[in-house]
N, C-alpha and C. Protein backbone atom coordinates (compact mmCIF):
# COMPACT_ATOMS: atom_id res chain seq x y z
N UNK A 1 -32.08 -98.27 106.07
CA UNK A 1 -31.00 -97.78 105.24
C UNK A 1 -31.36 -96.42 104.64
N UNK A 2 -32.59 -96.28 104.21
CA UNK A 2 -33.02 -95.01 103.62
C UNK A 2 -33.01 -93.90 104.66
N UNK A 3 -33.37 -94.24 105.90
CA UNK A 3 -33.36 -93.23 106.97
C UNK A 3 -31.95 -92.74 107.26
N UNK A 4 -30.98 -93.67 107.23
CA UNK A 4 -29.60 -93.28 107.47
C UNK A 4 -29.12 -92.31 106.41
N UNK A 5 -29.47 -92.57 105.18
CA UNK A 5 -29.06 -91.68 104.09
C UNK A 5 -29.72 -90.31 104.24
N UNK A 6 -30.97 -90.32 104.61
CA UNK A 6 -31.68 -89.05 104.78
C UNK A 6 -31.05 -88.24 105.90
N UNK A 7 -30.64 -88.90 106.98
CA UNK A 7 -29.98 -88.21 108.08
C UNK A 7 -28.64 -87.64 107.67
N UNK A 8 -27.89 -88.40 106.90
CA UNK A 8 -26.60 -87.90 106.43
C UNK A 8 -26.77 -86.74 105.47
N UNK A 9 -27.79 -86.83 104.63
CA UNK A 9 -28.05 -85.74 103.69
C UNK A 9 -28.45 -84.48 104.43
N UNK A 10 -29.25 -84.61 105.45
CA UNK A 10 -29.69 -83.46 106.24
C UNK A 10 -28.51 -82.82 106.97
N UNK A 11 -27.66 -83.64 107.58
CA UNK A 11 -26.53 -83.09 108.31
C UNK A 11 -25.56 -82.39 107.37
N UNK A 12 -25.41 -82.89 106.16
CA UNK A 12 -24.55 -82.22 105.18
C UNK A 12 -25.10 -80.86 104.79
N UNK A 13 -26.42 -80.76 104.70
CA UNK A 13 -27.05 -79.48 104.36
C UNK A 13 -26.85 -78.47 105.49
N UNK A 14 -26.99 -78.91 106.72
CA UNK A 14 -26.79 -78.02 107.87
C UNK A 14 -25.34 -77.57 107.92
N UNK A 15 -24.42 -78.47 107.66
CA UNK A 15 -23.00 -78.12 107.66
C UNK A 15 -22.69 -77.09 106.59
N UNK A 16 -23.26 -77.25 105.40
CA UNK A 16 -23.03 -76.30 104.32
C UNK A 16 -23.56 -74.92 104.66
N UNK A 17 -24.73 -74.85 105.26
CA UNK A 17 -25.32 -73.56 105.61
C UNK A 17 -24.49 -72.88 106.70
N UNK A 18 -24.13 -73.60 107.74
CA UNK A 18 -23.35 -73.03 108.83
C UNK A 18 -21.96 -72.61 108.39
N UNK A 19 -21.29 -73.43 107.63
CA UNK A 19 -19.94 -73.11 107.18
C UNK A 19 -19.96 -72.06 106.08
N UNK A 20 -21.06 -71.96 105.35
CA UNK A 20 -21.17 -70.92 104.33
C UNK A 20 -21.09 -69.54 104.93
N UNK A 21 -21.70 -69.35 106.09
CA UNK A 21 -21.61 -68.07 106.78
C UNK A 21 -20.21 -67.83 107.32
N UNK A 22 -19.54 -68.88 107.76
CA UNK A 22 -18.20 -68.75 108.31
C UNK A 22 -17.21 -68.33 107.23
N UNK A 23 -17.37 -68.86 106.02
CA UNK A 23 -16.44 -68.57 104.93
C UNK A 23 -16.91 -67.43 104.02
N UNK A 24 -17.89 -66.64 104.45
CA UNK A 24 -18.35 -65.51 103.66
C UNK A 24 -17.28 -64.43 103.62
N UNK A 25 -17.26 -63.66 102.55
CA UNK A 25 -16.29 -62.57 102.43
C UNK A 25 -16.50 -61.58 103.57
N UNK A 26 -15.38 -61.18 104.19
CA UNK A 26 -15.52 -60.28 105.33
C UNK A 26 -14.44 -59.20 105.39
N UNK A 27 -13.67 -59.02 104.31
CA UNK A 27 -12.70 -57.92 104.27
C UNK A 27 -12.85 -57.17 102.95
N UNK A 28 -12.47 -55.89 102.98
CA UNK A 28 -12.60 -55.07 101.78
C UNK A 28 -11.30 -55.10 100.98
N UNK A 29 -11.22 -54.24 99.97
CA UNK A 29 -10.07 -54.24 99.08
C UNK A 29 -8.77 -53.89 99.81
N UNK A 30 -8.83 -52.92 100.71
CA UNK A 30 -7.63 -52.54 101.46
C UNK A 30 -7.11 -53.72 102.29
N UNK A 31 -7.99 -54.41 102.96
CA UNK A 31 -7.59 -55.57 103.74
C UNK A 31 -7.00 -56.67 102.88
N UNK A 32 -7.54 -56.84 101.69
CA UNK A 32 -7.01 -57.85 100.79
C UNK A 32 -5.61 -57.50 100.32
N UNK A 33 -5.38 -56.23 100.03
CA UNK A 33 -4.05 -55.80 99.59
C UNK A 33 -3.04 -55.98 100.72
N UNK A 34 -3.41 -55.59 101.94
CA UNK A 34 -2.52 -55.74 103.08
C UNK A 34 -2.17 -57.21 103.29
N UNK A 35 -3.14 -58.09 103.20
CA UNK A 35 -2.88 -59.52 103.39
C UNK A 35 -2.01 -60.09 102.28
N UNK A 36 -2.19 -59.61 101.05
CA UNK A 36 -1.36 -60.08 99.94
C UNK A 36 0.09 -59.66 100.14
N UNK A 37 0.31 -58.41 100.53
CA UNK A 37 1.68 -57.93 100.78
C UNK A 37 2.30 -58.70 101.94
N UNK A 38 1.52 -58.91 103.00
CA UNK A 38 1.99 -59.67 104.16
C UNK A 38 2.35 -61.11 103.76
N UNK A 39 1.53 -61.72 102.93
CA UNK A 39 1.80 -63.08 102.48
C UNK A 39 3.08 -63.17 101.67
N UNK A 40 3.28 -62.22 100.77
CA UNK A 40 4.51 -62.22 99.97
C UNK A 40 5.72 -62.00 100.85
N UNK A 41 5.61 -61.09 101.82
CA UNK A 41 6.73 -60.82 102.74
C UNK A 41 7.08 -62.07 103.55
N UNK A 42 6.07 -62.81 104.02
CA UNK A 42 6.33 -64.03 104.77
C UNK A 42 7.00 -65.10 103.91
N UNK A 43 6.57 -65.22 102.68
CA UNK A 43 7.16 -66.22 101.80
C UNK A 43 8.62 -65.86 101.50
N UNK A 44 8.89 -64.58 101.22
CA UNK A 44 10.27 -64.15 100.96
C UNK A 44 11.14 -64.39 102.20
N UNK A 45 10.61 -64.04 103.39
CA UNK A 45 11.37 -64.27 104.62
C UNK A 45 11.64 -65.76 104.82
N UNK A 46 10.67 -66.60 104.52
CA UNK A 46 10.86 -68.04 104.66
C UNK A 46 11.92 -68.56 103.71
N UNK A 47 11.93 -68.05 102.49
CA UNK A 47 12.93 -68.49 101.53
C UNK A 47 14.32 -68.02 101.96
N UNK A 48 14.42 -66.80 102.46
CA UNK A 48 15.71 -66.28 102.92
C UNK A 48 16.24 -67.06 104.12
N UNK A 49 15.36 -67.57 104.97
CA UNK A 49 15.77 -68.33 106.15
C UNK A 49 15.92 -69.84 105.89
N UNK A 50 15.72 -70.26 104.66
CA UNK A 50 15.75 -71.69 104.37
C UNK A 50 17.11 -72.32 104.66
N UNK A 51 18.19 -71.57 104.53
CA UNK A 51 19.52 -72.12 104.80
C UNK A 51 19.81 -72.26 106.28
N UNK A 52 19.16 -71.49 107.11
CA UNK A 52 19.43 -71.50 108.55
C UNK A 52 18.52 -72.46 109.31
N UNK A 53 17.23 -72.40 109.02
CA UNK A 53 16.28 -73.21 109.78
C UNK A 53 15.18 -73.72 108.85
N UNK A 54 15.14 -75.02 108.71
CA UNK A 54 14.12 -75.62 107.87
C UNK A 54 12.72 -75.42 108.43
N UNK A 55 12.58 -75.53 109.76
CA UNK A 55 11.26 -75.35 110.38
C UNK A 55 10.75 -73.94 110.22
N UNK A 56 11.61 -72.95 110.40
CA UNK A 56 11.19 -71.56 110.23
C UNK A 56 10.76 -71.32 108.79
N UNK A 57 11.48 -71.90 107.86
CA UNK A 57 11.13 -71.77 106.45
C UNK A 57 9.75 -72.35 106.18
N UNK A 58 9.50 -73.54 106.68
CA UNK A 58 8.21 -74.21 106.46
C UNK A 58 7.06 -73.39 107.04
N UNK A 59 7.23 -72.93 108.29
CA UNK A 59 6.15 -72.17 108.93
C UNK A 59 5.91 -70.83 108.24
N UNK A 60 6.97 -70.11 107.91
CA UNK A 60 6.79 -68.82 107.27
C UNK A 60 6.14 -68.96 105.90
N UNK A 61 6.58 -69.92 105.13
CA UNK A 61 5.99 -70.12 103.81
C UNK A 61 4.53 -70.57 103.93
N UNK A 62 4.24 -71.44 104.89
CA UNK A 62 2.85 -71.90 105.08
C UNK A 62 1.94 -70.74 105.48
N UNK A 63 2.39 -69.92 106.42
CA UNK A 63 1.58 -68.76 106.83
C UNK A 63 1.47 -67.75 105.70
N UNK A 64 2.51 -67.62 104.89
CA UNK A 64 2.45 -66.72 103.74
C UNK A 64 1.44 -67.19 102.71
N UNK A 65 1.42 -68.48 102.45
CA UNK A 65 0.44 -69.03 101.51
C UNK A 65 -0.98 -68.85 102.05
N UNK A 66 -1.15 -69.04 103.36
CA UNK A 66 -2.47 -68.84 103.96
C UNK A 66 -2.91 -67.37 103.85
N UNK A 67 -1.98 -66.44 104.06
CA UNK A 67 -2.30 -65.01 103.92
C UNK A 67 -2.69 -64.69 102.48
N UNK A 68 -2.01 -65.30 101.52
CA UNK A 68 -2.38 -65.10 100.11
C UNK A 68 -3.77 -65.69 99.82
N UNK A 69 -4.08 -66.82 100.46
CA UNK A 69 -5.42 -67.40 100.31
C UNK A 69 -6.48 -66.44 100.85
N UNK A 70 -6.21 -65.87 102.04
CA UNK A 70 -7.15 -64.90 102.61
C UNK A 70 -7.34 -63.72 101.67
N UNK A 71 -6.25 -63.24 101.08
CA UNK A 71 -6.35 -62.10 100.17
C UNK A 71 -7.14 -62.46 98.92
N UNK A 72 -6.88 -63.62 98.36
CA UNK A 72 -7.58 -64.03 97.14
C UNK A 72 -9.06 -64.28 97.40
N UNK A 73 -9.37 -64.83 98.55
CA UNK A 73 -10.75 -65.18 98.89
C UNK A 73 -11.54 -64.00 99.44
N UNK A 74 -10.83 -63.00 99.99
CA UNK A 74 -11.52 -61.88 100.62
C UNK A 74 -12.09 -62.26 101.97
N UNK A 75 -11.40 -63.16 102.63
CA UNK A 75 -11.88 -63.74 103.88
C UNK A 75 -10.78 -63.70 104.91
N UNK A 76 -11.11 -63.35 106.14
CA UNK A 76 -10.12 -63.29 107.22
C UNK A 76 -10.55 -64.26 108.32
N UNK A 77 -9.65 -65.14 108.72
CA UNK A 77 -9.95 -66.13 109.75
C UNK A 77 -10.31 -65.46 111.07
N UNK A 78 -9.55 -64.46 111.45
CA UNK A 78 -9.81 -63.79 112.74
C UNK A 78 -11.19 -63.13 112.74
N UNK A 79 -11.54 -62.47 111.64
CA UNK A 79 -12.86 -61.84 111.57
C UNK A 79 -13.97 -62.88 111.55
N UNK A 80 -13.73 -64.00 110.91
CA UNK A 80 -14.73 -65.06 110.87
C UNK A 80 -14.98 -65.63 112.27
N UNK A 81 -13.95 -65.57 113.12
CA UNK A 81 -14.08 -66.05 114.51
C UNK A 81 -14.64 -64.98 115.43
N UNK A 82 -14.91 -63.78 114.92
CA UNK A 82 -15.53 -62.73 115.72
C UNK A 82 -14.57 -61.71 116.29
N UNK A 83 -13.29 -61.80 115.95
CA UNK A 83 -12.31 -60.83 116.42
C UNK A 83 -12.27 -59.65 115.45
N UNK A 84 -12.42 -58.46 115.95
CA UNK A 84 -12.42 -57.27 115.11
C UNK A 84 -10.98 -56.87 114.78
N UNK A 85 -10.71 -56.65 113.49
CA UNK A 85 -9.40 -56.20 113.05
C UNK A 85 -9.53 -54.83 112.39
N UNK A 86 -8.45 -54.08 112.34
CA UNK A 86 -8.50 -52.74 111.76
C UNK A 86 -8.63 -52.77 110.25
N UNK A 87 -7.99 -53.74 109.59
CA UNK A 87 -8.02 -53.79 108.11
C UNK A 87 -8.75 -55.02 107.63
């Protein structure tokens, strides 16, 4: 039983170290501002389309919230995956 706990504790430590690098800040102030504006634009577009298509509203608002998260965190998913972006 003690060995199982030690193994789980070790794997949790490895996961934290590996994911810590993945979620490290990787965009500057300009990129954060662009993502914040993009997130607000997506949310507004989603709200404006809410009367026409519920699915479009849900997706646009969800992506807008995610863009705001990226801006607040200073982290870009595409850059974390190794894709180079301009901003």
